[in-house]
Amino acid sequence: ALMWLQQFSWTDIEKQEEQTLKVAIEKLSAIDGLKFLATKNVSGCVSFTIDGVHPHDLTDMLGEKNIHLRAGHHCTQPLHKKLGIAASTRLAVGIYNSIEEIDALAKEIQFARERLT
């Protein structure tokens, strides 16, 4: 993995991750009931909730489609308590992610939301 990663400059990695995250935020923003915990000054990942959908249920459904997100506290229990949420879902992106994967993610989150609410 390190040998593969060394073919890219740090600038290229940052640009790719920034662009992928920007597209992800844009696509996911169109999903009814999806709320981001933050969208400004984010780097590498973004956390969100969906009204009426528990993050663990969402990540379980998506995991069955080989779409891997994280659900839980993410070491931010004080923030979750302040926001009044039990948990959140986190999407992390890297240079290995494509825009096509983000498109599939948005489609599958929408499908899961419809099934779980």
N, C-alpha and C. Protein backbone atom coordinates (compact mmCIF):
# COMPACT_ATOMS: atom_id res chain seq x y z
N ALA A 1 0.82 -1.19 0.00
CA ALA A 1 0.00 0.00 0.00
C ALA A 1 0.87 1.26 0.00
N LEU A 2 1.94 1.22 0.79
CA LEU A 2 2.81 2.39 0.84
C LEU A 2 3.49 2.64 -0.50
N MET A 3 3.90 1.57 -1.17
CA MET A 3 4.54 1.75 -2.47
C MET A 3 3.56 2.37 -3.46
N TRP A 4 2.31 1.91 -3.44
CA TRP A 4 1.28 2.47 -4.32
C TRP A 4 1.08 3.94 -4.01
N LEU A 5 0.97 4.28 -2.73
CA LEU A 5 0.71 5.65 -2.31
C LEU A 5 1.85 6.60 -2.66
N GLN A 6 3.07 6.10 -2.69
CA GLN A 6 4.23 6.94 -2.98
C GLN A 6 4.26 7.49 -4.40
N GLN A 7 3.41 6.95 -5.27
CA GLN A 7 3.39 7.47 -6.64
C GLN A 7 2.71 8.84 -6.74
N PHE A 8 2.05 9.25 -5.66
CA PHE A 8 1.33 10.52 -5.65
C PHE A 8 2.04 11.54 -4.77
N SER A 9 1.97 12.80 -5.18
CA SER A 9 2.50 13.85 -4.32
C SER A 9 1.47 14.16 -3.24
N TRP A 10 1.90 14.73 -2.15
CA TRP A 10 0.98 15.09 -1.07
C TRP A 10 -0.07 16.09 -1.59
N THR A 11 0.35 16.99 -2.47
CA THR A 11 -0.57 17.97 -3.06
C THR A 11 -1.66 17.26 -3.86
N ASP A 12 -1.28 16.25 -4.65
CA ASP A 12 -2.27 15.49 -5.43
C ASP A 12 -3.25 14.77 -4.51
N ILE A 13 -2.75 14.21 -3.44
CA ILE A 13 -3.61 13.50 -2.48
C ILE A 13 -4.61 14.48 -1.86
N GLU A 14 -4.12 15.62 -1.41
CA GLU A 14 -5.00 16.61 -0.80
C GLU A 14 -6.07 17.08 -1.79
N LYS A 15 -5.67 17.37 -3.03
CA LYS A 15 -6.62 17.83 -4.06
C LYS A 15 -7.69 16.79 -4.32
N GLN A 16 -7.28 15.53 -4.49
CA GLN A 16 -8.23 14.46 -4.77
C GLN A 16 -9.21 14.29 -3.62
N GLU A 17 -8.71 14.26 -2.39
CA GLU A 17 -9.59 14.09 -1.24
C GLU A 17 -10.53 15.28 -1.09
N GLU A 18 -10.04 16.48 -1.30
CA GLU A 18 -10.87 17.68 -1.20
C GLU A 18 -11.99 17.65 -2.23
N GLN A 19 -11.65 17.30 -3.46
CA GLN A 19 -12.66 17.26 -4.53
C GLN A 19 -13.68 16.15 -4.27
N THR A 20 -13.22 14.99 -3.85
CA THR A 20 -14.13 13.88 -3.58
C THR A 20 -15.08 14.23 -2.44
N LEU A 21 -14.56 14.84 -1.39
CA LEU A 21 -15.40 15.23 -0.26
C LEU A 21 -16.39 16.32 -0.66
N LYS A 22 -15.97 17.24 -1.50
CA LYS A 22 -16.87 18.30 -1.98
C LYS A 22 -18.04 17.69 -2.76
N VAL A 23 -17.75 16.76 -3.63
CA VAL A 23 -18.79 16.10 -4.41
C VAL A 23 -19.70 15.29 -3.47
N ALA A 24 -19.12 14.61 -2.50
CA ALA A 24 -19.91 13.83 -1.55
C ALA A 24 -20.89 14.73 -0.79
N ILE A 25 -20.42 15.86 -0.31
CA ILE A 25 -21.29 16.78 0.42
C ILE A 25 -22.41 17.28 -0.49
N GLU A 26 -22.07 17.60 -1.72
CA GLU A 26 -23.07 18.07 -2.69
C GLU A 26 -24.12 16.98 -2.95
N LYS A 27 -23.69 15.77 -3.22
CA LYS A 27 -24.63 14.67 -3.54
C LYS A 27 -25.47 14.30 -2.33
N LEU A 28 -24.85 14.19 -1.15
CA LEU A 28 -25.58 13.78 0.04
C LEU A 28 -26.54 14.87 0.52
N SER A 29 -26.23 16.11 0.22
CA SER A 29 -27.11 17.22 0.61
C SER A 29 -28.49 17.10 -0.02
N ALA A 30 -28.59 16.39 -1.12
CA ALA A 30 -29.87 16.23 -1.81
C ALA A 30 -30.77 15.18 -1.16
N ILE A 31 -30.27 14.45 -0.18
CA ILE A 31 -31.05 13.39 0.46
C ILE A 31 -31.90 13.99 1.57
N ASP A 32 -33.21 13.78 1.49
CA ASP A 32 -34.14 14.30 2.49
C ASP A 32 -33.77 13.78 3.88
N GLY A 33 -33.75 14.69 4.84
CA GLY A 33 -33.51 14.32 6.23
C GLY A 33 -32.06 14.15 6.61
N LEU A 34 -31.14 14.24 5.64
CA LEU A 34 -29.72 14.09 5.96
C LEU A 34 -29.18 15.43 6.45
N LYS A 35 -28.53 15.39 7.60
CA LYS A 35 -27.96 16.61 8.19
C LYS A 35 -26.49 16.35 8.52
N PHE A 36 -25.65 17.24 8.04
CA PHE A 36 -24.22 17.15 8.33
C PHE A 36 -23.93 17.76 9.70
N LEU A 37 -22.97 17.20 10.41
CA LEU A 37 -22.53 17.80 11.65
C LEU A 37 -21.69 19.04 11.36
N ALA A 38 -20.98 19.03 10.23
CA ALA A 38 -20.19 20.18 9.76
C ALA A 38 -19.89 19.97 8.28
N THR A 39 -19.79 21.06 7.53
CA THR A 39 -19.40 20.98 6.12
C THR A 39 -18.31 21.99 5.78
N LYS A 40 -17.97 22.84 6.72
CA LYS A 40 -16.91 23.83 6.48
C LYS A 40 -15.65 23.38 7.20
N ASN A 41 -14.53 23.64 6.55
CA ASN A 41 -13.23 23.29 7.11
C ASN A 41 -13.13 21.80 7.46
N VAL A 42 -13.75 20.95 6.64
CA VAL A 42 -13.64 19.52 6.85
C VAL A 42 -12.51 18.98 5.99
N SER A 43 -11.89 17.92 6.44
CA SER A 43 -10.77 17.35 5.71
C SER A 43 -10.77 15.84 5.91
N GLY A 44 -10.91 15.11 4.82
CA GLY A 44 -10.81 13.66 4.89
C GLY A 44 -12.08 12.93 5.25
N CYS A 45 -12.96 13.57 5.99
CA CYS A 45 -14.19 12.88 6.38
C CYS A 45 -15.29 13.89 6.70
N VAL A 46 -16.52 13.38 6.70
CA VAL A 46 -17.67 14.19 7.05
C VAL A 46 -18.65 13.28 7.78
N SER A 47 -19.27 13.82 8.83
CA SER A 47 -20.23 13.06 9.63
C SER A 47 -21.63 13.61 9.43
N PHE A 48 -22.61 12.71 9.52
CA PHE A 48 -23.99 13.13 9.30
C PHE A 48 -24.97 12.21 10.04
N THR A 49 -26.21 12.68 10.10
CA THR A 49 -27.32 11.89 10.60
C THR A 49 -28.42 11.94 9.55
N ILE A 50 -29.35 11.00 9.64
CA ILE A 50 -30.53 11.01 8.78
C ILE A 50 -31.73 10.85 9.70
N ASP A 51 -32.67 11.78 9.60
CA ASP A 51 -33.87 11.73 10.43
C ASP A 51 -34.52 10.35 10.36
N GLY A 52 -34.77 9.75 11.53
CA GLY A 52 -35.47 8.48 11.60
C GLY A 52 -34.64 7.25 11.27
N VAL A 53 -33.35 7.42 11.01
CA VAL A 53 -32.49 6.29 10.65
C VAL A 53 -31.33 6.22 11.64
N HIS A 54 -31.19 5.09 12.31
CA HIS A 54 -30.06 4.93 13.23
C HIS A 54 -28.80 4.66 12.41
N PRO A 55 -27.70 5.33 12.74
CA PRO A 55 -26.46 5.14 11.99
C PRO A 55 -26.00 3.69 11.89
N HIS A 56 -26.20 2.90 12.93
CA HIS A 56 -25.78 1.50 12.86
C HIS A 56 -26.61 0.72 11.85
N ASP A 57 -27.90 1.02 11.75
CA ASP A 57 -28.75 0.35 10.76
C ASP A 57 -28.30 0.73 9.35
N LEU A 58 -28.03 2.01 9.15
CA LEU A 58 -27.59 2.49 7.84
C LEU A 58 -26.28 1.83 7.43
N THR A 59 -25.30 1.84 8.32
CA THR A 59 -23.99 1.28 7.95
C THR A 59 -24.07 -0.22 7.74
N ASP A 60 -24.97 -0.89 8.46
CA ASP A 60 -25.14 -2.32 8.26
C ASP A 60 -25.71 -2.60 6.86
N MET A 61 -26.75 -1.87 6.49
CA MET A 61 -27.34 -2.06 5.15
C MET A 61 -26.33 -1.76 4.05
N LEU A 62 -25.60 -0.67 4.20
CA LEU A 62 -24.64 -0.30 3.17
C LEU A 62 -23.46 -1.26 3.12
N GLY A 63 -23.06 -1.77 4.28
CA GLY A 63 -21.98 -2.75 4.33
C GLY A 63 -22.30 -3.99 3.52
N GLU A 64 -23.57 -4.38 3.50
CA GLU A 64 -23.98 -5.53 2.70
C GLU A 64 -23.81 -5.27 1.20
N LYS A 65 -23.70 -4.00 0.82
CA LYS A 65 -23.48 -3.61 -0.58
C LYS A 65 -22.02 -3.23 -0.82
N ASN A 66 -21.15 -3.58 0.13
CA ASN A 66 -19.71 -3.25 0.06
C ASN A 66 -19.44 -1.76 0.04
N ILE A 67 -20.29 -1.01 0.73
CA ILE A 67 -20.07 0.42 0.95
C ILE A 67 -19.81 0.56 2.44
N HIS A 68 -18.62 0.99 2.78
CA HIS A 68 -18.21 0.95 4.18
C HIS A 68 -18.08 2.35 4.79
N LEU A 69 -18.96 2.60 5.73
CA LEU A 69 -18.97 3.82 6.51
C LEU A 69 -18.77 3.43 7.98
N ARG A 70 -18.61 4.40 8.83
CA ARG A 70 -18.51 4.14 10.27
C ARG A 70 -19.72 4.75 10.95
N ALA A 71 -20.15 4.10 12.03
CA ALA A 71 -21.26 4.62 12.82
C ALA A 71 -20.86 4.58 14.29
N GLY A 72 -21.33 5.56 15.04
CA GLY A 72 -21.06 5.57 16.47
C GLY A 72 -20.78 6.97 16.98
N HIS A 73 -19.96 7.01 18.04
CA HIS A 73 -19.62 8.29 18.68
C HIS A 73 -18.41 8.96 18.05
N HIS A 74 -17.52 8.18 17.45
CA HIS A 74 -16.31 8.69 16.82
C HIS A 74 -15.48 9.53 17.80
N CYS A 75 -15.49 9.13 19.07
CA CYS A 75 -14.75 9.84 20.13
C CYS A 75 -15.24 11.28 20.31
N THR A 76 -16.50 11.52 19.99
CA THR A 76 -17.05 12.87 20.13
C THR A 76 -18.34 12.84 20.95
N GLN A 77 -18.35 12.05 22.01
CA GLN A 77 -19.55 11.95 22.83
C GLN A 77 -20.04 13.31 23.33
N PRO A 78 -19.16 14.22 23.78
CA PRO A 78 -19.67 15.54 24.22
C PRO A 78 -20.40 16.29 23.10
N LEU A 79 -19.89 16.20 21.88
CA LEU A 79 -20.57 16.85 20.75
C LEU A 79 -21.92 16.19 20.49
N HIS A 80 -21.95 14.88 20.48
CA HIS A 80 -23.22 14.18 20.25
C HIS A 80 -24.23 14.54 21.34
N LYS A 81 -23.78 14.62 22.57
CA LYS A 81 -24.68 14.98 23.67
C LYS A 81 -25.23 16.40 23.46
N LYS A 82 -24.34 17.33 23.10
CA LYS A 82 -24.77 18.71 22.87
C LYS A 82 -25.76 18.80 21.72
N LEU A 83 -25.56 18.00 20.67
CA LEU A 83 -26.44 18.02 19.51
C LEU A 83 -27.71 17.19 19.73
N GLY A 84 -27.74 16.43 20.82
CA GLY A 84 -28.92 15.61 21.12
C GLY A 84 -29.07 14.41 20.21
N ILE A 85 -27.95 13.85 19.77
CA ILE A 85 -28.00 12.67 18.90
C ILE A 85 -27.28 11.51 19.58
N ALA A 86 -27.77 10.30 19.32
CA ALA A 86 -27.18 9.11 19.93
C ALA A 86 -25.87 8.71 19.25
N ALA A 87 -25.79 8.95 17.95
CA ALA A 87 -24.62 8.55 17.17
C ALA A 87 -24.68 9.27 15.82
N SER A 88 -23.63 9.12 15.05
CA SER A 88 -23.62 9.69 13.70
C SER A 88 -22.94 8.71 12.76
N THR A 89 -23.10 8.98 11.49
CA THR A 89 -22.44 8.18 10.44
C THR A 89 -21.29 9.02 9.90
N ARG A 90 -20.16 8.35 9.63
CA ARG A 90 -19.00 9.08 9.12
C ARG A 90 -18.53 8.47 7.81
N LEU A 91 -18.36 9.33 6.82
CA LEU A 91 -17.79 8.97 5.53
C LEU A 91 -16.37 9.50 5.49
N ALA A 92 -15.41 8.62 5.28
CA ALA A 92 -14.02 9.02 5.10
C ALA A 92 -13.64 8.76 3.65
N VAL A 93 -12.92 9.70 3.05
CA VAL A 93 -12.49 9.55 1.66
C VAL A 93 -10.97 9.56 1.60
N GLY A 94 -10.46 8.99 0.53
CA GLY A 94 -9.03 8.98 0.28
C GLY A 94 -8.76 9.07 -1.20
N ILE A 95 -7.51 9.08 -1.55
CA ILE A 95 -7.13 9.20 -2.97
C ILE A 95 -7.62 8.00 -3.77
N TYR A 96 -7.91 6.93 -3.10
CA TYR A 96 -8.38 5.70 -3.76
C TYR A 96 -9.87 5.73 -4.07
N ASN A 97 -10.61 6.74 -3.60
CA ASN A 97 -12.05 6.81 -3.88
C ASN A 97 -12.31 7.57 -5.17
N SER A 98 -13.39 7.16 -5.86
CA SER A 98 -13.75 7.80 -7.13
C SER A 98 -15.10 8.51 -6.99
N ILE A 99 -15.36 9.39 -7.93
CA ILE A 99 -16.65 10.09 -7.97
C ILE A 99 -17.77 9.07 -8.23
N GLU A 100 -17.48 8.03 -9.03
CA GLU A 100 -18.47 6.98 -9.27
C GLU A 100 -18.87 6.28 -7.96
N GLU A 101 -17.92 6.10 -7.08
CA GLU A 101 -18.23 5.50 -5.78
C GLU A 101 -19.12 6.42 -4.95
N ILE A 102 -18.89 7.71 -5.05
CA ILE A 102 -19.72 8.68 -4.34
C ILE A 102 -21.14 8.66 -4.90
N ASP A 103 -21.26 8.55 -6.22
CA ASP A 103 -22.58 8.44 -6.85
C ASP A 103 -23.32 7.20 -6.33
N ALA A 104 -22.62 6.07 -6.27
CA ALA A 104 -23.22 4.83 -5.76
C ALA A 104 -23.58 4.97 -4.29
N LEU A 105 -22.74 5.63 -3.52
CA LEU A 105 -23.02 5.86 -2.10
C LEU A 105 -24.31 6.64 -1.93
N ALA A 106 -24.46 7.74 -2.65
CA ALA A 106 -25.66 8.57 -2.53
C ALA A 106 -26.91 7.77 -2.90
N LYS A 107 -26.81 7.00 -3.97
CA LYS A 107 -27.94 6.18 -4.41
C LYS A 107 -28.31 5.16 -3.33
N GLU A 108 -27.34 4.49 -2.76
CA GLU A 108 -27.61 3.45 -1.76
C GLU A 108 -28.08 4.05 -0.42
N ILE A 109 -27.58 5.24 -0.07
CA ILE A 109 -28.09 5.89 1.15
C ILE A 109 -29.55 6.25 0.95
N GLN A 110 -29.90 6.76 -0.21
CA GLN A 110 -31.30 7.09 -0.50
C GLN A 110 -32.17 5.84 -0.42
N PHE A 111 -31.71 4.75 -1.01
CA PHE A 111 -32.44 3.48 -0.98
C PHE A 111 -32.61 3.01 0.47
N ALA A 112 -31.55 3.06 1.26
CA ALA A 112 -31.61 2.64 2.66
C ALA A 112 -32.55 3.53 3.46
N ARG A 113 -32.50 4.83 3.23
CA ARG A 113 -33.37 5.77 3.95
C ARG A 113 -34.84 5.44 3.69
N GLU A 114 -35.14 5.14 2.44
CA GLU A 114 -36.53 4.79 2.09
C GLU A 114 -36.97 3.50 2.78
N ARG A 115 -36.07 2.56 2.95
CA ARG A 115 -36.40 1.29 3.60
C ARG A 115 -36.48 1.40 5.12
N LEU A 116 -35.68 2.29 5.69
CA LEU A 116 -35.57 2.36 7.15
C LEU A 116 -36.51 3.38 7.80
N THR A 117 -37.12 4.26 7.01
CA THR A 117 -38.02 5.25 7.62
C THR A 117 -39.47 4.91 7.35
